[in-house]
Amino acid sequence: HIGKRINDDILQNKRAEYGKEVVASLSRQLTAEYGKGFTNTNLVRMRQFAELFPDIEIVASLTQQLTWTHMVEILPIKNQLKRD
C-alpha cells in the first residue's frame, strides 16, 4: 500500500520533477522512523508496483506466492503480457 499512498496522497498522481525530491525526502523520513527498507530506490519501486498492479485482489494473491525480490525482477518487464 505504500506505493499507492505515495502516488495518491503525496504526489497526487502527478509526475513532476519535484516528485523526485519529495520521494527522496520521504525516504529519509521513513528510514529515520522505521529503519531499513525505505530507500529512495525501494520507494520508486513501490510506486511503480502500485501503478502496474492496481487491483488489490491480484496483489494479495501475488504476495502469497512471490517475494518482494521476485516483484523487483518483474517490474522492469515492459511487455504487459510477459509481466502478467
N, C-alpha and C. Protein backbone atom coordinates (compact mmCIF):
# COMPACT_ATOMS: atom_id res chain seq x y z
N HIS A 1 0.81 -1.21 0.00
CA HIS A 1 0.00 0.00 0.00
C HIS A 1 0.85 1.27 0.00
N ILE A 2 2.12 1.13 0.31
CA ILE A 2 2.98 2.31 0.40
C ILE A 2 3.07 3.03 -0.94
N GLY A 3 3.30 2.28 -2.02
CA GLY A 3 3.40 2.90 -3.34
C GLY A 3 2.12 3.62 -3.73
N LYS A 4 0.98 3.01 -3.44
CA LYS A 4 -0.31 3.64 -3.75
C LYS A 4 -0.49 4.92 -2.94
N ARG A 5 -0.13 4.88 -1.66
CA ARG A 5 -0.25 6.08 -0.82
C ARG A 5 0.64 7.21 -1.32
N ILE A 6 1.85 6.86 -1.74
CA ILE A 6 2.75 7.89 -2.27
C ILE A 6 2.15 8.50 -3.53
N ASN A 7 1.68 7.65 -4.44
CA ASN A 7 1.09 8.14 -5.69
C ASN A 7 -0.16 8.98 -5.45
N ASP A 8 -1.07 8.48 -4.62
CA ASP A 8 -2.37 9.13 -4.44
C ASP A 8 -2.32 10.32 -3.49
N ASP A 9 -1.75 10.11 -2.30
CA ASP A 9 -1.83 11.11 -1.24
C ASP A 9 -0.71 12.16 -1.29
N ILE A 10 0.49 11.73 -1.63
CA ILE A 10 1.61 12.65 -1.56
C ILE A 10 1.85 13.34 -2.90
N LEU A 11 1.94 12.55 -3.97
CA LEU A 11 2.21 13.13 -5.29
C LEU A 11 0.93 13.46 -6.05
N GLN A 12 -0.19 13.00 -5.55
CA GLN A 12 -1.49 13.22 -6.17
C GLN A 12 -1.48 12.85 -7.65
N ASN A 13 -0.84 11.72 -7.93
CA ASN A 13 -0.75 11.14 -9.27
C ASN A 13 -0.11 12.05 -10.31
N LYS A 14 0.69 13.01 -9.86
CA LYS A 14 1.41 13.90 -10.78
C LYS A 14 2.83 13.41 -10.90
N ARG A 15 3.43 13.62 -12.06
CA ARG A 15 4.80 13.16 -12.30
C ARG A 15 5.72 14.36 -12.56
N ALA A 16 5.68 15.29 -11.70
CA ALA A 16 6.52 16.47 -11.86
C ALA A 16 7.93 16.19 -11.36
N GLU A 17 8.87 17.01 -11.77
CA GLU A 17 10.26 16.86 -11.32
C GLU A 17 10.38 16.96 -9.80
N TYR A 18 9.53 17.77 -9.18
CA TYR A 18 9.62 17.91 -7.73
C TYR A 18 9.29 16.59 -7.04
N GLY A 19 8.61 15.68 -7.74
CA GLY A 19 8.27 14.38 -7.17
C GLY A 19 9.49 13.61 -6.75
N LYS A 20 10.58 13.75 -7.50
CA LYS A 20 11.82 13.05 -7.15
C LYS A 20 12.33 13.50 -5.79
N GLU A 21 12.29 14.80 -5.55
CA GLU A 21 12.76 15.33 -4.27
C GLU A 21 11.80 14.96 -3.14
N VAL A 22 10.51 14.94 -3.44
CA VAL A 22 9.53 14.55 -2.43
C VAL A 22 9.77 13.11 -2.00
N VAL A 23 9.99 12.23 -2.96
CA VAL A 23 10.24 10.82 -2.65
C VAL A 23 11.55 10.67 -1.89
N ALA A 24 12.58 11.41 -2.27
CA ALA A 24 13.86 11.35 -1.57
C ALA A 24 13.70 11.82 -0.12
N SER A 25 12.95 12.88 0.09
CA SER A 25 12.70 13.38 1.43
C SER A 25 11.89 12.37 2.25
N LEU A 26 10.88 11.80 1.63
CA LEU A 26 10.06 10.79 2.30
C LEU A 26 10.90 9.59 2.68
N SER A 27 11.82 9.20 1.80
CA SER A 27 12.73 8.09 2.08
C SER A 27 13.54 8.35 3.35
N ARG A 28 14.08 9.55 3.46
CA ARG A 28 14.87 9.90 4.65
C ARG A 28 14.00 9.85 5.91
N GLN A 29 12.78 10.35 5.82
CA GLN A 29 11.89 10.37 6.98
C GLN A 29 11.49 8.96 7.41
N LEU A 30 11.10 8.13 6.45
CA LEU A 30 10.69 6.77 6.76
C LEU A 30 11.85 5.94 7.30
N THR A 31 13.03 6.12 6.73
CA THR A 31 14.20 5.39 7.21
C THR A 31 14.53 5.80 8.64
N ALA A 32 14.45 7.08 8.93
CA ALA A 32 14.72 7.55 10.30
C ALA A 32 13.70 6.99 11.29
N GLU A 33 12.44 6.89 10.86
CA GLU A 33 11.38 6.45 11.78
C GLU A 33 11.27 4.93 11.86
N TYR A 34 11.44 4.23 10.72
CA TYR A 34 11.17 2.80 10.70
C TYR A 34 12.39 1.93 10.39
N GLY A 35 13.50 2.52 9.99
CA GLY A 35 14.70 1.75 9.70
C GLY A 35 14.83 1.39 8.23
N LYS A 36 15.62 0.36 7.98
CA LYS A 36 15.95 -0.05 6.61
C LYS A 36 14.70 -0.39 5.80
N GLY A 37 14.89 -0.41 4.48
CA GLY A 37 13.81 -0.84 3.58
C GLY A 37 13.10 0.29 2.87
N PHE A 38 13.38 1.51 3.26
CA PHE A 38 12.68 2.64 2.66
C PHE A 38 13.64 3.54 1.88
N THR A 39 14.56 2.91 1.18
CA THR A 39 15.48 3.68 0.35
C THR A 39 14.71 4.36 -0.77
N ASN A 40 15.31 5.36 -1.36
CA ASN A 40 14.69 6.06 -2.48
C ASN A 40 14.35 5.06 -3.60
N THR A 41 15.28 4.16 -3.88
CA THR A 41 15.06 3.15 -4.93
C THR A 41 13.87 2.26 -4.60
N ASN A 42 13.76 1.83 -3.35
CA ASN A 42 12.63 0.98 -2.96
C ASN A 42 11.31 1.73 -3.06
N LEU A 43 11.29 2.99 -2.67
CA LEU A 43 10.05 3.76 -2.77
C LEU A 43 9.64 3.95 -4.23
N VAL A 44 10.60 4.16 -5.10
CA VAL A 44 10.29 4.28 -6.53
C VAL A 44 9.72 2.96 -7.03
N ARG A 45 10.31 1.85 -6.60
CA ARG A 45 9.79 0.54 -6.99
C ARG A 45 8.39 0.30 -6.44
N MET A 46 8.13 0.74 -5.23
CA MET A 46 6.81 0.59 -4.62
C MET A 46 5.76 1.38 -5.41
N ARG A 47 6.14 2.58 -5.83
CA ARG A 47 5.24 3.39 -6.66
C ARG A 47 4.96 2.69 -7.99
N GLN A 48 6.02 2.19 -8.61
CA GLN A 48 5.89 1.50 -9.88
C GLN A 48 5.01 0.26 -9.73
N PHE A 49 5.20 -0.48 -8.66
CA PHE A 49 4.40 -1.66 -8.40
C PHE A 49 2.92 -1.29 -8.28
N ALA A 50 2.64 -0.22 -7.56
CA ALA A 50 1.25 0.23 -7.39
C ALA A 50 0.62 0.62 -8.72
N GLU A 51 1.41 1.19 -9.62
CA GLU A 51 0.89 1.57 -10.94
C GLU A 51 0.64 0.35 -11.82
N LEU A 52 1.56 -0.61 -11.77
CA LEU A 52 1.46 -1.78 -12.64
C LEU A 52 0.44 -2.80 -12.15
N PHE A 53 0.22 -2.85 -10.84
CA PHE A 53 -0.71 -3.82 -10.25
C PHE A 53 -1.72 -3.10 -9.34
N PRO A 54 -2.67 -2.38 -9.94
CA PRO A 54 -3.61 -1.59 -9.14
C PRO A 54 -4.70 -2.43 -8.45
N ASP A 55 -4.94 -3.64 -8.91
CA ASP A 55 -6.00 -4.48 -8.35
C ASP A 55 -5.52 -5.16 -7.07
N ILE A 56 -6.09 -4.79 -5.94
CA ILE A 56 -5.65 -5.28 -4.64
C ILE A 56 -5.84 -6.79 -4.52
N GLU A 57 -6.82 -7.35 -5.18
CA GLU A 57 -7.04 -8.80 -5.11
C GLU A 57 -5.89 -9.55 -5.79
N ILE A 58 -5.43 -9.02 -6.92
CA ILE A 58 -4.29 -9.64 -7.60
C ILE A 58 -3.04 -9.49 -6.76
N VAL A 59 -2.87 -8.34 -6.17
CA VAL A 59 -1.69 -8.10 -5.32
C VAL A 59 -1.70 -9.05 -4.13
N ALA A 60 -2.85 -9.25 -3.50
CA ALA A 60 -2.93 -10.16 -2.36
C ALA A 60 -2.53 -11.57 -2.76
N SER A 61 -2.97 -11.99 -3.92
CA SER A 61 -2.61 -13.31 -4.42
C SER A 61 -1.12 -13.40 -4.75
N LEU A 62 -0.60 -12.35 -5.40
CA LEU A 62 0.81 -12.33 -5.76
C LEU A 62 1.71 -12.40 -4.53
N THR A 63 1.38 -11.64 -3.52
CA THR A 63 2.26 -11.57 -2.35
C THR A 63 2.27 -12.86 -1.55
N GLN A 64 1.29 -13.72 -1.74
CA GLN A 64 1.30 -15.02 -1.09
C GLN A 64 2.20 -16.00 -1.83
N GLN A 65 2.43 -15.73 -3.14
CA GLN A 65 3.19 -16.65 -3.96
C GLN A 65 4.60 -16.16 -4.29
N LEU A 66 4.80 -14.86 -4.29
CA LEU A 66 6.09 -14.28 -4.70
C LEU A 66 6.63 -13.36 -3.62
N THR A 67 7.95 -13.27 -3.54
CA THR A 67 8.58 -12.36 -2.59
C THR A 67 8.77 -10.98 -3.25
N TRP A 68 9.16 -10.00 -2.45
CA TRP A 68 9.44 -8.67 -2.99
C TRP A 68 10.58 -8.74 -4.01
N THR A 69 11.54 -9.62 -3.77
CA THR A 69 12.65 -9.79 -4.72
C THR A 69 12.12 -10.25 -6.08
N HIS A 70 11.15 -11.15 -6.07
CA HIS A 70 10.52 -11.56 -7.33
C HIS A 70 9.86 -10.36 -8.01
N MET A 71 9.15 -9.57 -7.23
CA MET A 71 8.45 -8.41 -7.78
C MET A 71 9.43 -7.44 -8.43
N VAL A 72 10.56 -7.22 -7.78
CA VAL A 72 11.58 -6.31 -8.31
C VAL A 72 12.08 -6.80 -9.67
N GLU A 73 12.16 -8.11 -9.84
CA GLU A 73 12.59 -8.69 -11.11
C GLU A 73 11.52 -8.52 -12.19
N ILE A 74 10.26 -8.53 -11.80
CA ILE A 74 9.15 -8.41 -12.74
C ILE A 74 8.92 -6.97 -13.19
N LEU A 75 9.15 -6.01 -12.32
CA LEU A 75 8.83 -4.60 -12.61
C LEU A 75 9.43 -4.06 -13.91
N PRO A 76 10.67 -4.35 -14.25
CA PRO A 76 11.24 -3.76 -15.47
C PRO A 76 10.69 -4.32 -16.78
N ILE A 77 9.93 -5.42 -16.72
CA ILE A 77 9.40 -6.01 -17.95
C ILE A 77 8.35 -5.08 -18.55
N LYS A 78 8.64 -4.57 -19.74
CA LYS A 78 7.75 -3.58 -20.37
C LYS A 78 6.49 -4.21 -20.96
N ASN A 79 6.63 -5.42 -21.52
CA ASN A 79 5.51 -6.08 -22.17
C ASN A 79 4.53 -6.59 -21.09
N GLN A 80 3.32 -6.05 -21.08
CA GLN A 80 2.36 -6.39 -20.05
C GLN A 80 2.02 -7.88 -20.04
N LEU A 81 1.88 -8.48 -21.20
CA LEU A 81 1.57 -9.90 -21.27
C LEU A 81 2.67 -10.74 -20.64
N LYS A 82 3.92 -10.42 -20.94
CA LYS A 82 5.05 -11.14 -20.35
C LYS A 82 5.10 -10.91 -18.84
N ARG A 83 4.86 -9.67 -18.40
CA ARG A 83 4.89 -9.33 -16.98
C ARG A 83 3.79 -10.09 -16.24
N ASP A 84 2.61 -10.11 -16.83
CA ASP A 84 1.48 -10.82 -16.19
C ASP A 84 1.75 -12.32 -16.12
